[in-house]
Each structure stands twice: as structure tokens, then as C-alpha cells.
Amino acid sequence: MTDKTPRYFISYSRADTAFVKRLIADLQDKDIDAWWDQMDIPAGVPWDTRIEYLVENCSAVIVLLSRSSVASKAVADEWSWGLTYHKPVITLRLEECKVPMRLQRLNWIDFTVDYAKGFKKLLEALDEMRDNPEPRSGPKPHKQPPAHGPGKLMSAALAVVALAVGYLLYEWFRDIPTIQVTSLPANASVSVDGEFIGRTPVDIDYFKEGDKFELLLESEGYVSHREIIEFPGSGIHEKDISLVPEDEANFVAEIPETIFIPGGSFTMGPAAGNSDQERFKQVTLAGFHMSETEITFDQWDSCFDAGACADVDNSERGRGRHPVIFVSWHDAQDYVEWLSEETGEFWRLPSEAEWEYAARAGTTTLYSWGDAPPACHRELDNGANFIECDEGTFPAGSFKPNAFGLYDMHGNVWEWVEDCVHDNYAGAPGDGSAWLDEDQGDCDKRVLRSGSLDNQADALRAAHRNINDDARNTYDTVGFRVVRE
């Protein structure tokens, strides 16, 4: 192949290796050159350096969208580099998943049902791109007109028009609200509302004036920077952030990482409940931030070290990154109260509606991955920790996340939620807030969700409720996760 032959970079998740191998083979059968990491990164070459080189020198980036890939920062890095280098980006949707914000503007090619049909559309897109390539540099210079005569006048007139149009475009772009984020050190990871958008320096220009969003900057060896920003009016606004080195920071507490869960409507409970307590209800919620994982022993110990939480012993299940257990609902309240004081933000337990909405992650199936029962396998989409694992609790985040990026919403340990116990959803708030009505419910008891390592698959369903536990009880299979407002 010549240097002018188009070459396409394939960005994918390891979970989709079988698909990408088939795609590469089919493209090669059509004499189409495609790069992917397993064949194009020599041993000993730094991964990120080589990947960035391949992206910079490709004709276009083909991104495979799946639940695994949209949760992968490596994949996000790859397509972000593509956008940075002004490469065309083609997205192939392999399954239902939450498309990253910066890719939502792009039309995607559907591979969810018919591979052959999707591949045909991909070939059409590549043909169109090859026939109508975007210029990689400025236009070739025209021959100079004569020094005298009408050509000179025409050239001058065109120059005036070009200057006028350029000025108008400059004024128009200048009025687009834009936040230019830079950092020290540079190349920090930038996330907006929990979604990775690139590395500094980066522009944020897709909100409306007055919108609020969470900005998160992360860099290895530095303390993460998190703040809520109100999007400004027209114009370019600079945001320069200096990250604090970890060895210079004066902090002790380990604060939970959160994921922004966008608001929406859903049917709470199964369409046809397994029992009276699971009758369905329509709920519409505002967005909220939920901890990526169940609260771990490391996080709990920060509260204990501050004298705000009880000592929790666990010599059998494991400490460190394992989910904290032997905590009552009241213990969880102590933790969120301390966390709120420590951070200056309001933390709480999720409501039952928020928990199920987050667990479903946009699905209506038994589990967030579909209706297939869970399996004790970390690499499978339906991997979860339940009775078949027989290994105790797993460290938080051991299994694949759901489409929202949340880990262990099915299994590992039961999770306390805020709500008092009610027999069913009749009369529950329609806005997704916690149901705390003592007249209709029993507030000495609180609801548990998720199922645990000691349960069968049925208890891990997104709609399953455990409404039999006193809020004072503690078990070696019960923990919790938190929500930040």
C-alpha cells in the first residue's frame, strides 16, 4: 500500500476483541488498511506514545461503542486524540449503551442487530470519506495576477471581502460561550459531570448560559480538583487550575469517587411484579451524583480515624478496598454526616427510586446487562458476586460497571437506602425522593437493595427489595453507597 492509502485507527474495548478481529479481517478483505493496538504496537514501546502517534497519522478514527468501551478511559483517550488532531470520527454502535457527550453529535452506524448491514454502511461511509476528503492543510496558492489591470482590482476586492467575512466569523465564534481549561501540570484528565472529555488544555463549549456542571481534573501524583461551575455568558473564559502534589497536601480522608447520573423517567419495579411489594410505579428524577462503588473499609476508616464512625471489625471478608460491612442504617447516617462536614457538600444515602434507576442504567431488563442470570466471572458483562462465587466479598469495582459506570449494583453486599419500609409503591413520591412517611410505613425498618454474595440470582434483580430488616441490625453481607447533591 502507498503512503496515500487511507488508514483507519480502530478504538475498542478488550471486551469487544472478538468483534474487532472480525471487523479487521473483513476490512482487509476489501483492501482497507486498519490499525489496532494488538498488531501495531511493538514490544517495549510505551502504549500511550504509540497510540497517539497512530491516531495522529491515521485517516480517521473508528470507535466501537459498547457498555465496556464507553466506561474505558483508554478508549476515551483515543477518540479524544482523534478530535484533537481534527480527524474524522466514525462511531459503530455494538449494543445499547450511553454514548459519550462529545460523540452524541455524530451519526453512528448500527451494528446491534445486523452485522452485514452495518458493515455495508461502514464501507459506504469510508467510500464517501475517500471521495470527498477534508483538506489537511490550507488551499494551494493560486498564480499571482498581473501587477496591473483588472486582476489586481479583483484580488483587492476579494481580499476586502475575505477580511470582512473573517471578522464576522471571529465575532460570531467569540460570542459562543467557551471555557478554556488549562492546568499545571498540563495533560490532566478532565471530566464533566462524571464523563471524561479529554486532557488539558481543553475547551468546554456545549452548555447553555446558566447551566451548572461538575468539573473534575485528575493527574497521577496530584490531588484531584473538583468544583461545580455555572456556565458563563458569551465570550471566552479562561480557567487555569494548579493541582496540588499529593506529598504536599494536608489531607487524610479518602473521599468516594462519584458518577453523575443524568435525570430521567423510568418504571420502578418490574412490568409485572413478582410480588405485591414489586408493583411498578412511574418515576421522574432529577440528576444526582452517586458513588462509583459501595463504601469501602478504607473510606470508612477515614471516618473512624476522625472519631465520627464506629470501629467495624472484619477479619474474614477482607478490609482495604473491600466493601465495609457490619454497618447498620444508623451507622451509615453517621458516615454521611461526617462526610458532609468533611467536604462542605451534602451527602446522603440514595433513595430507593434513585438506587433502582441507577442500577437499571437505562434498561428495563432483570439486570443492567439484560435478562441473562449473573455469572461468577469478572470479565463477563453479567459478572457479579453472588452465592456461586463462594469467595467472600470482592474488592470494590472487581466486576464490569453498568452503562452509568457504577460497579457492583448487583451483588457483593446488600446496600441500605434512605426509605422507610412500605409494603409496595402505592403512594410513593413520583419525583424519586425518599419515602419517609411514618403513618404509612415502618421507619424502624429500612429498605435494602442489590442482593449479596450469599444470595441466589433472583435477589440480584434491579427490582428486588429486602424490606424485612431493622435499621439497627448489622450483617456481614450488608453495606451501602452514597449520593452527593
Protein backbone atom coordinates (compact mmCIF):
# COMPACT_ATOMS: atom_id res chain seq x y z
CA MET A 1 0.00 0.00 0.00
CA THR A 2 1.21 3.53 -0.72
CA ASP A 3 1.57 6.39 1.73
CA LYS A 4 -1.60 7.85 0.21
CA THR A 5 -3.66 4.78 1.07
CA PRO A 6 -6.23 5.68 3.75
CA ARG A 7 -5.54 4.05 7.10
CA TYR A 8 -8.12 3.81 9.84
CA PHE A 9 -7.46 3.52 13.56
CA ILE A 10 -9.81 1.16 15.48
CA SER A 11 -10.61 2.26 19.05
CA TYR A 12 -12.22 -0.50 21.11
CA SER A 13 -12.51 -2.21 24.49
CA ARG A 14 -10.78 -5.52 25.20
CA ALA A 15 -14.25 -6.96 25.90
CA ASP A 16 -15.04 -6.46 22.19
CA THR A 17 -11.90 -8.19 20.85
CA ALA A 18 -13.88 -10.88 19.00
CA PHE A 19 -15.86 -8.22 17.14
CA VAL A 20 -12.79 -6.14 16.25
CA LYS A 21 -10.96 -9.21 14.89
CA ARG A 22 -13.89 -9.94 12.59
CA LEU A 23 -14.08 -6.29 11.54
CA ILE A 24 -10.34 -6.10 10.80
CA ALA A 25 -10.50 -9.30 8.72
CA ASP A 26 -13.49 -8.03 6.71
CA LEU A 27 -11.83 -4.65 6.09
CA GLN A 28 -8.64 -6.35 4.93
CA ASP A 29 -10.68 -8.48 2.51
CA LYS A 30 -11.77 -5.16 0.98
CA ASP A 31 -8.12 -3.96 0.83
CA ILE A 32 -8.82 -1.42 3.57
CA ASP A 33 -5.92 -0.77 5.93
CA ALA A 34 -6.90 -0.62 9.60
CA TRP A 35 -4.68 -0.21 12.67
CA TRP A 36 -5.35 -1.66 16.08
CA ASP A 37 -3.17 -1.94 19.15
CA GLN A 38 -2.57 -5.71 19.17
CA MET A 39 -0.81 -5.66 15.81
CA ASP A 40 0.64 -2.16 15.67
CA ILE A 41 2.42 -1.62 19.00
CA PRO A 42 5.83 -3.30 19.13
CA ALA A 43 7.00 -4.80 22.39
CA GLY A 44 8.73 -2.32 24.67
CA VAL A 45 7.17 0.79 23.07
CA PRO A 46 5.15 2.98 25.50
CA TRP A 47 1.48 2.34 24.83
CA ASP A 48 0.18 5.90 25.04
CA THR A 49 3.01 7.33 22.90
CA ARG A 50 2.43 4.79 20.12
CA ILE A 51 -1.36 5.09 20.23
CA GLU A 52 -1.22 8.87 19.96
CA TYR A 53 1.19 8.53 17.01
CA LEU A 54 -1.17 6.11 15.24
CA VAL A 55 -4.15 8.40 15.80
CA GLU A 56 -2.24 11.46 14.60
CA ASN A 57 -1.22 9.67 11.40
CA CYS A 58 -4.47 7.89 10.55
CA SER A 59 -7.11 8.98 8.04
CA ALA A 60 -9.98 8.56 10.52
CA VAL A 61 -10.78 7.01 13.89
CA ILE A 62 -13.38 4.23 14.04
CA VAL A 63 -14.81 3.97 17.56
CA LEU A 64 -16.65 0.82 18.67
CA LEU A 65 -19.38 1.81 21.15
CA SER A 66 -20.32 -0.76 23.78
CA ARG A 67 -21.05 -0.71 27.51
CA SER A 68 -17.43 -1.64 28.14
CA SER A 69 -15.87 0.86 25.75
CA VAL A 70 -17.84 3.88 26.98
CA ALA A 71 -16.62 3.08 30.50
CA SER A 72 -12.98 2.83 29.35
CA LYS A 73 -10.70 5.83 29.83
CA ALA A 74 -8.24 4.32 27.36
CA VAL A 75 -10.89 4.37 24.62
CA ALA A 76 -11.89 7.91 25.61
CA ASP A 77 -8.25 8.97 25.30
CA GLU A 78 -8.09 7.54 21.78
CA TRP A 79 -11.15 9.26 20.33
CA SER A 80 -10.25 12.47 22.22
CA TRP A 81 -6.88 12.44 20.47
CA GLY A 82 -8.74 11.97 17.20
CA LEU A 83 -10.85 15.08 17.84
CA THR A 84 -7.76 17.00 18.97
CA TYR A 85 -5.99 16.17 15.70
CA HIS A 86 -9.16 17.04 13.74
CA LYS A 87 -9.61 13.51 12.44
CA PRO A 88 -12.99 12.29 11.17
CA VAL A 89 -14.55 10.04 13.82
CA ILE A 90 -16.87 7.19 12.79
CA THR A 91 -18.84 5.50 15.57
CA LEU A 92 -20.13 1.92 15.37
CA ARG A 93 -22.76 1.03 17.95
CA LEU A 94 -22.40 -2.61 19.00
CA GLU A 95 -25.06 -2.60 21.75
CA GLU A 96 -27.30 -0.27 23.71
CA CYS A 97 -25.06 2.00 25.78
CA LYS A 98 -24.70 5.58 26.96
CA VAL A 99 -22.89 7.46 24.18
CA PRO A 100 -20.24 9.91 25.48
CA MET A 101 -21.31 13.54 25.38
CA ARG A 102 -18.77 14.67 22.77
CA LEU A 103 -19.74 11.82 20.43
CA GLN A 104 -23.51 12.37 20.64
CA ARG A 105 -23.37 14.90 17.79
CA LEU A 106 -22.08 12.23 15.40
CA ASN A 107 -24.29 9.85 13.45
CA TRP A 108 -23.49 6.28 14.42
CA ILE A 109 -23.65 3.11 12.34
CA ASP A 110 -25.86 0.43 13.86
CA PHE A 111 -24.24 -2.98 14.41
CA THR A 112 -26.61 -4.02 17.22
CA VAL A 113 -28.79 -6.29 15.07
CA ASP A 114 -27.39 -6.92 11.59
CA TYR A 115 -23.60 -7.05 11.17
CA ALA A 116 -23.73 -7.33 7.37
CA LYS A 117 -25.99 -4.29 7.06
CA GLY A 118 -23.81 -2.29 9.44
CA PHE A 119 -20.64 -3.28 7.58
CA LYS A 120 -22.17 -2.20 4.27
CA LYS A 121 -22.96 1.24 5.73
CA LEU A 122 -19.42 1.48 7.09
CA LEU A 123 -17.99 0.79 3.63
CA GLU A 124 -20.27 3.47 2.18
CA ALA A 125 -19.05 5.95 4.80
CA LEU A 126 -15.40 5.13 4.04
CA ASP A 127 -16.02 5.45 0.29
CA GLU A 128 -17.65 8.84 0.82
CA MET A 129 -14.75 9.95 3.00
CA ARG A 130 -12.21 8.80 0.41
CA ASP A 131 -14.03 10.52 -2.45
CA ASN A 132 -14.51 13.76 -0.51
CA PRO A 133 -11.51 14.05 1.81
CA GLU A 134 -11.26 17.02 4.12
CA PRO A 135 -8.23 19.18 3.34
CA ARG A 136 -5.35 18.60 5.76
CA SER A 137 -3.76 21.97 5.03
CA GLY A 138 -4.62 25.30 3.52
CA PRO A 139 -5.55 25.64 -0.17
CA LYS A 140 -2.77 25.59 -2.73
CA PRO A 141 -1.61 29.09 -3.72
CA HIS A 142 -3.04 30.48 -6.95
CA LYS A 143 -0.91 32.05 -9.63
CA GLN A 144 -0.24 35.71 -8.93
CA PRO A 145 -2.35 38.08 -11.07
CA PRO A 146 -0.61 40.65 -13.25
CA ALA A 147 0.78 43.69 -11.45
CA HIS A 148 -1.62 45.96 -13.35
CA GLY A 149 -5.09 45.69 -14.79
CA PRO A 150 -8.47 44.27 -13.59
CA GLY A 151 -6.90 41.21 -11.95
CA LYS A 152 -5.27 43.40 -9.32
CA LEU A 153 -8.54 45.19 -8.60
CA MET A 154 -10.41 41.88 -8.35
CA SER A 155 -7.77 40.49 -5.97
CA ALA A 156 -8.02 43.57 -3.77
CA ALA A 157 -11.82 43.35 -3.71
CA LEU A 158 -11.71 39.67 -2.76
CA ALA A 159 -9.21 40.45 -0.03
CA VAL A 160 -11.55 43.07 1.44
CA VAL A 161 -14.48 40.63 1.33
CA ALA A 162 -12.37 37.90 2.95
CA LEU A 163 -11.32 40.24 5.73
CA ALA A 164 -14.92 41.27 6.34
CA VAL A 165 -16.17 37.67 6.42
CA GLY A 166 -13.27 36.67 8.63
CA TYR A 167 -14.06 39.46 11.06
CA LEU A 168 -17.73 38.49 11.20
CA LEU A 169 -16.82 34.83 11.82
CA TYR A 170 -14.37 35.89 14.52
CA GLU A 171 -17.05 37.96 16.24
CA TRP A 172 -19.54 35.09 15.94
CA PHE A 173 -17.20 32.48 17.41
CA ARG A 174 -16.10 34.92 20.10
CA ASP A 175 -19.72 35.17 21.25
CA ILE A 176 -20.03 31.38 21.74
CA PRO A 177 -19.67 30.74 25.49
CA THR A 178 -16.47 28.79 25.95
CA ILE A 179 -14.43 27.80 28.99
CA GLN A 180 -10.79 27.13 28.16
CA VAL A 181 -9.43 24.81 30.85
CA THR A 182 -5.68 24.67 31.41
CA SER A 183 -3.78 23.10 34.27
CA LEU A 184 -0.44 22.82 35.98
CA PRO A 185 0.75 20.19 35.30
CA ALA A 186 -0.62 20.02 31.76
CA ASN A 187 -2.29 16.92 30.26
CA ALA A 188 -4.53 16.42 33.28
CA SER A 189 -7.62 14.25 32.75
CA VAL A 190 -10.79 16.37 32.51
CA SER A 191 -14.28 15.05 33.27
CA VAL A 192 -17.57 16.93 33.06
CA ASP A 193 -20.45 15.55 35.13
CA GLY A 194 -18.51 12.32 35.53
CA GLU A 195 -17.75 11.88 31.80
CA PHE A 196 -14.17 12.04 30.52
CA ILE A 197 -13.88 14.70 27.78
CA GLY A 198 -10.14 14.93 27.20
CA ARG A 199 -6.91 16.27 28.66
CA THR A 200 -5.81 19.82 29.34
CA PRO A 201 -5.78 22.15 27.58
CA VAL A 202 -9.40 21.56 26.58
CA ASP A 203 -12.40 23.73 25.61
CA ILE A 204 -15.89 23.30 27.05
CA ASP A 205 -18.48 24.92 24.79
CA TYR A 206 -21.60 22.74 24.70
CA PHE A 207 -23.61 24.12 27.63
CA LYS A 208 -26.10 26.98 27.74
CA GLU A 209 -25.57 30.08 29.85
CA GLY A 210 -26.55 29.39 33.45
CA ASP A 211 -26.18 25.61 33.21
CA LYS A 212 -24.28 24.06 36.10
CA PHE A 213 -21.88 21.15 35.78
CA GLU A 214 -19.22 19.36 37.79
CA LEU A 215 -15.63 19.80 36.61
CA LEU A 216 -13.08 17.19 37.72
CA LEU A 217 -9.35 17.31 36.98
CA GLU A 218 -7.09 14.35 37.80
CA SER A 219 -3.39 13.71 37.34
CA GLU A 220 -1.25 10.94 38.79
CA GLY A 221 0.62 12.11 41.88
CA TYR A 222 -1.69 15.10 42.43
CA VAL A 223 -4.82 15.70 44.49
CA SER A 224 -7.95 15.65 42.32
CA HIS A 225 -9.63 19.02 41.79
CA ARG A 226 -13.43 19.06 41.80
CA GLU A 227 -15.78 22.03 41.60
CA ILE A 228 -19.26 23.00 40.45
CA ILE A 229 -19.21 25.61 37.67
CA GLU A 230 -22.02 27.77 36.34
CA PHE A 231 -21.60 28.16 32.59
CA PRO A 232 -20.86 31.82 31.74
CA GLY A 233 -22.33 34.13 29.14
CA SER A 234 -20.91 34.80 25.69
CA GLY A 235 -17.19 35.00 25.17
CA ILE A 236 -14.09 33.00 26.01
CA HIS A 237 -13.39 32.44 29.69
CA GLU A 238 -10.07 31.05 30.90
CA LYS A 239 -9.95 28.55 33.76
CA ASP A 240 -6.40 27.81 34.93
CA ILE A 241 -6.13 25.21 37.70
CA SER A 242 -2.98 24.37 39.64
CA LEU A 243 -3.15 20.86 41.08
CA VAL A 244 -1.58 20.21 44.48
CA PRO A 245 1.05 17.43 44.68
CA GLU A 246 -0.10 14.63 46.96
CA ASP A 247 3.04 14.81 49.08
CA GLU A 248 2.34 18.49 49.79
CA ALA A 249 -1.37 18.10 50.51
CA ASN A 250 -2.70 18.30 54.02
CA PHE A 251 -5.47 15.74 53.95
CA VAL A 252 -6.28 12.38 55.46
CA ALA A 253 -9.80 11.45 54.44
CA GLU A 254 -10.47 9.18 51.48
CA ILE A 255 -13.49 10.68 49.72
CA PRO A 256 -15.69 8.46 47.50
CA GLU A 257 -15.45 8.99 43.75
CA THR A 258 -18.84 9.73 42.21
CA ILE A 259 -20.54 9.33 38.85
CA PHE A 260 -23.12 11.83 37.61
CA ILE A 261 -26.40 10.04 36.91
CA PRO A 262 -28.46 12.09 34.43
CA GLY A 263 -32.09 12.66 35.31
CA GLY A 264 -34.93 10.91 33.52
CA SER A 265 -38.08 8.83 33.84
CA PHE A 266 -38.38 5.10 34.38
CA THR A 267 -40.71 2.36 35.54
CA MET A 268 -39.80 1.38 39.08
CA GLY A 269 -40.31 -2.31 39.70
CA PRO A 270 -40.84 -4.98 37.03
CA ALA A 271 -43.61 -4.54 34.46
CA ALA A 272 -45.34 -7.49 36.10
CA GLY A 273 -44.19 -7.67 39.70
CA ASN A 274 -43.07 -10.96 41.23
CA SER A 275 -44.94 -9.96 44.37
CA ASP A 276 -47.19 -7.24 45.72
CA GLN A 277 -44.16 -5.35 47.05
CA GLU A 278 -42.77 -5.03 43.50
CA ARG A 279 -45.75 -3.43 41.78
CA PHE A 280 -44.44 -0.93 39.27
CA LYS A 281 -44.57 2.88 39.51
CA GLN A 282 -43.63 5.64 37.06
CA VAL A 283 -40.96 7.93 38.49
CA THR A 284 -39.22 11.04 37.13
CA LEU A 285 -35.96 12.05 38.82
CA ALA A 286 -33.51 14.92 38.64
CA GLY A 287 -29.84 14.11 38.07
CA PHE A 288 -27.62 13.21 41.01
CA HIS A 289 -24.08 12.07 41.84
CA MET A 290 -23.66 8.52 43.17
CA SER A 291 -20.52 6.82 44.47
CA GLU A 292 -18.95 4.56 41.84
CA THR A 293 -18.72 1.69 44.30
CA GLU A 294 -20.02 0.61 47.65
CA ILE A 295 -18.26 2.42 50.51
CA THR A 296 -15.03 0.58 51.26
CA PHE A 297 -13.24 -0.16 54.50
CA ASP A 298 -10.56 2.38 53.53
CA GLN A 299 -13.23 5.06 53.19
CA TRP A 300 -14.97 4.01 56.38
CA ASP A 301 -11.69 4.04 58.29
CA SER A 302 -11.21 7.73 57.43
CA CYS A 303 -14.45 8.41 59.30
CA PHE A 304 -13.37 6.14 62.17
CA ASP A 305 -9.97 7.87 62.40
CA ALA A 306 -11.80 11.20 62.69
CA GLY A 307 -13.79 9.82 65.64
CA ALA A 308 -17.12 10.08 63.82
CA CYS A 309 -17.80 6.42 62.97
CA ALA A 310 -17.80 3.17 64.93
CA ASP A 311 -14.99 0.63 64.68
CA VAL A 312 -16.03 -2.15 62.32
CA ASP A 313 -14.15 -5.42 62.63
CA ASN A 314 -13.89 -7.82 59.74
CA SER A 315 -11.17 -10.40 59.77
CA GLU A 316 -12.95 -12.84 57.45
CA ARG A 317 -14.26 -10.86 54.47
CA GLY A 318 -11.23 -8.58 53.94
CA ARG A 319 -10.60 -4.87 54.54
CA GLY A 320 -8.98 -2.18 52.39
CA ARG A 321 -10.87 -1.94 49.09
CA HIS A 322 -13.49 -4.47 50.15
CA PRO A 323 -16.94 -3.02 50.88
CA VAL A 324 -17.47 -2.10 54.52
CA ILE A 325 -19.88 -4.50 56.27
CA PHE A 326 -21.38 -4.93 59.73
CA VAL A 327 -22.83 -1.42 59.44
CA SER A 328 -26.39 -0.56 60.40
CA TRP A 329 -28.54 2.05 58.66
CA HIS A 330 -27.78 4.36 61.60
CA ASP A 331 -24.04 3.75 61.14
CA ALA A 332 -24.41 4.79 57.51
CA GLN A 333 -26.09 8.00 58.68
CA ASP A 334 -23.06 8.75 60.88
CA TYR A 335 -20.82 8.31 57.86
CA VAL A 336 -22.74 10.66 55.53
CA GLU A 337 -22.99 13.28 58.29
CA TRP A 338 -19.21 13.17 58.77
CA LEU A 339 -18.59 13.18 55.01
CA SER A 340 -20.79 16.27 54.60
CA GLU A 341 -18.85 18.12 57.30
CA GLU A 342 -15.50 16.97 55.90
CA THR A 343 -16.18 18.12 52.33
CA GLY A 344 -18.60 21.02 52.79
CA GLU A 345 -21.05 19.26 50.46
CA PHE A 346 -24.26 17.42 51.30
CA TRP A 347 -24.03 13.63 51.20
CA ARG A 348 -26.76 11.11 51.98
CA LEU A 349 -27.98 7.62 51.26
CA PRO A 350 -29.74 7.20 47.92
CA SER A 351 -33.49 6.97 47.86
CA GLU A 352 -34.92 3.62 46.81
CA ALA A 353 -36.03 5.11 43.48
CA GLU A 354 -32.60 6.64 42.83
CA TRP A 355 -30.95 3.33 43.62
CA GLU A 356 -33.10 1.33 41.18
CA TYR A 357 -32.82 3.98 38.46
CA ALA A 358 -29.02 3.92 38.81
CA ALA A 359 -28.93 0.11 38.89
CA ARG A 360 -31.00 -0.18 35.71
CA ALA A 361 -28.84 2.37 33.84
CA GLY A 362 -31.49 2.89 31.19
CA THR A 363 -32.57 -0.75 30.86
CA THR A 364 -35.90 -2.46 31.52
CA THR A 365 -34.45 -5.95 31.89
CA LEU A 366 -33.96 -8.04 35.03
CA TYR A 367 -30.37 -6.88 35.35
CA SER A 368 -28.48 -3.93 33.87
CA TRP A 369 -26.77 -6.27 31.35
CA GLY A 370 -30.01 -7.96 30.22
CA ASP A 371 -32.06 -10.97 31.35
CA ALA A 372 -29.22 -13.49 31.44
CA PRO A 373 -28.58 -14.67 35.02
CA PRO A 374 -25.38 -13.47 36.71
CA ALA A 375 -22.16 -15.47 36.48
CA CYS A 376 -19.16 -15.51 38.80
CA HIS A 377 -16.72 -14.20 36.18
CA ARG A 378 -15.06 -10.78 36.30
CA GLU A 379 -14.61 -10.43 32.53
CA LEU A 380 -18.23 -11.11 31.55
CA ASP A 381 -20.86 -8.39 31.15
CA ASN A 382 -23.09 -10.38 33.53
CA GLY A 383 -20.32 -10.95 36.06
CA ALA A 384 -21.38 -10.42 39.68
CA ASN A 385 -20.54 -11.65 43.16
CA PHE A 386 -23.28 -13.94 44.50
CA ILE A 387 -23.62 -17.37 46.07
CA GLU A 388 -21.93 -19.20 43.18
CA CYS A 389 -18.67 -17.31 43.78
CA ASP A 390 -18.19 -18.66 47.32
CA GLU A 391 -15.18 -16.38 47.89
CA GLY A 392 -16.39 -13.72 50.33
CA THR A 393 -16.71 -10.11 49.26
CA PHE A 394 -14.74 -8.91 46.25
CA PRO A 395 -12.78 -5.62 46.28
CA ALA A 396 -14.97 -2.76 45.05
CA GLY A 397 -15.02 -2.49 41.26
CA SER A 398 -13.88 -6.06 40.57
CA PHE A 399 -16.67 -6.73 38.05
CA LYS A 400 -17.66 -4.72 34.99
CA PRO A 401 -19.61 -1.47 35.55
CA ASN A 402 -23.09 -0.83 34.19
CA ALA A 403 -23.79 1.72 31.45
CA PHE A 404 -23.72 4.57 34.00
CA GLY A 405 -20.25 3.50 35.16
CA LEU A 406 -21.41 2.14 38.54
CA TYR A 407 -19.89 -1.03 39.99
CA ASP A 408 -21.50 -3.87 41.96
CA MET A 409 -25.10 -2.69 41.70
CA HIS A 410 -25.94 -6.40 41.53
CA GLY A 411 -24.41 -8.49 44.31
CA ASN A 412 -21.33 -8.27 46.52
CA VAL A 413 -23.21 -6.75 49.51
CA TRP A 414 -26.71 -5.52 50.23
CA GLU A 415 -26.98 -1.72 50.30
CA TRP A 416 -29.01 0.43 52.69
CA VAL A 417 -31.18 3.13 51.12
CA GLU A 418 -32.87 6.08 52.83
CA ASP A 419 -36.51 4.94 52.62
CA CYS A 420 -38.69 3.65 55.41
CA VAL A 421 -40.22 0.25 54.69
CA HIS A 422 -43.57 0.21 52.86
CA ASP A 423 -45.33 -2.88 51.57
CA ASN A 424 -45.45 -1.54 47.99
CA TYR A 425 -45.08 1.66 45.96
CA ALA A 426 -48.69 2.84 46.26
CA GLY A 427 -48.41 6.44 47.47
CA ALA A 428 -44.64 6.69 46.95
CA PRO A 429 -43.28 10.06 45.73
CA GLY A 430 -43.25 10.40 41.96
CA ASP A 431 -40.12 12.57 41.96
CA GLY A 432 -37.81 9.81 43.17
CA SER A 433 -37.24 11.28 46.64
CA ALA A 434 -37.07 9.04 49.70
CA TRP A 435 -40.41 7.88 51.11
CA LEU A 436 -40.26 8.77 54.80
CA ASP A 437 -43.96 8.75 55.71
CA GLU A 438 -44.19 7.09 59.13
CA ASP A 439 -48.00 6.89 59.02
CA GLN A 440 -47.99 4.55 56.01
CA GLY A 441 -44.64 2.86 56.59
CA ASP A 442 -42.34 1.43 59.25
CA CYS A 443 -39.37 3.75 59.79
CA ASP A 444 -37.79 1.46 62.37
CA LYS A 445 -37.01 -0.66 59.33
CA ARG A 446 -35.20 0.48 56.19
CA VAL A 447 -35.04 -0.95 52.67
CA LEU A 448 -32.06 -2.96 51.39
CA ARG A 449 -31.18 -3.32 47.70
CA SER A 450 -28.65 -5.13 45.45
CA GLY A 451 -28.51 -8.68 46.81
CA SER A 452 -25.26 -10.09 48.14
CA LEU A 453 -22.63 -12.80 47.95
CA ASP A 454 -24.93 -15.08 49.97
CA ASN A 455 -27.93 -14.79 47.63
CA GLN A 456 -29.28 -16.59 44.59
CA ALA A 457 -29.58 -14.77 41.26
CA ASP A 458 -33.20 -13.70 41.87
CA ALA A 459 -32.16 -11.42 44.74
CA LEU A 460 -29.74 -9.57 42.44
CA ARG A 461 -32.50 -8.28 40.14
CA ALA A 462 -32.69 -4.48 39.77
CA ALA A 463 -36.27 -4.51 41.10
CA HIS A 464 -35.71 -6.83 44.08
CA ARG A 465 -36.43 -5.37 47.54
CA ASN A 466 -35.48 -6.57 51.01
CA ILE A 467 -37.95 -4.95 53.41
CA ASN A 468 -37.53 -7.10 56.49
CA ASP A 469 -34.57 -5.57 58.30
CA ASP A 470 -34.45 -3.36 61.37
CA ALA A 471 -32.37 -0.22 60.81
CA ARG A 472 -30.24 -1.16 63.85
CA ASN A 473 -29.17 -4.57 62.53
CA THR A 474 -25.71 -5.34 61.18
CA TYR A 475 -24.66 -8.26 58.97
CA ASP A 476 -21.55 -9.48 57.20
CA THR A 477 -23.39 -9.08 53.89
CA VAL A 478 -24.72 -5.51 54.28
CA GLY A 479 -23.02 -2.23 53.35
CA PHE A 480 -24.08 0.92 51.49
CA ARG A 481 -23.18 3.52 48.87
CA VAL A 482 -23.80 7.28 48.94
CA VAL A 483 -25.22 10.16 46.91
CA ARG A 484 -23.86 13.71 46.76
CA GLU A 485 -26.08 16.67 46.00
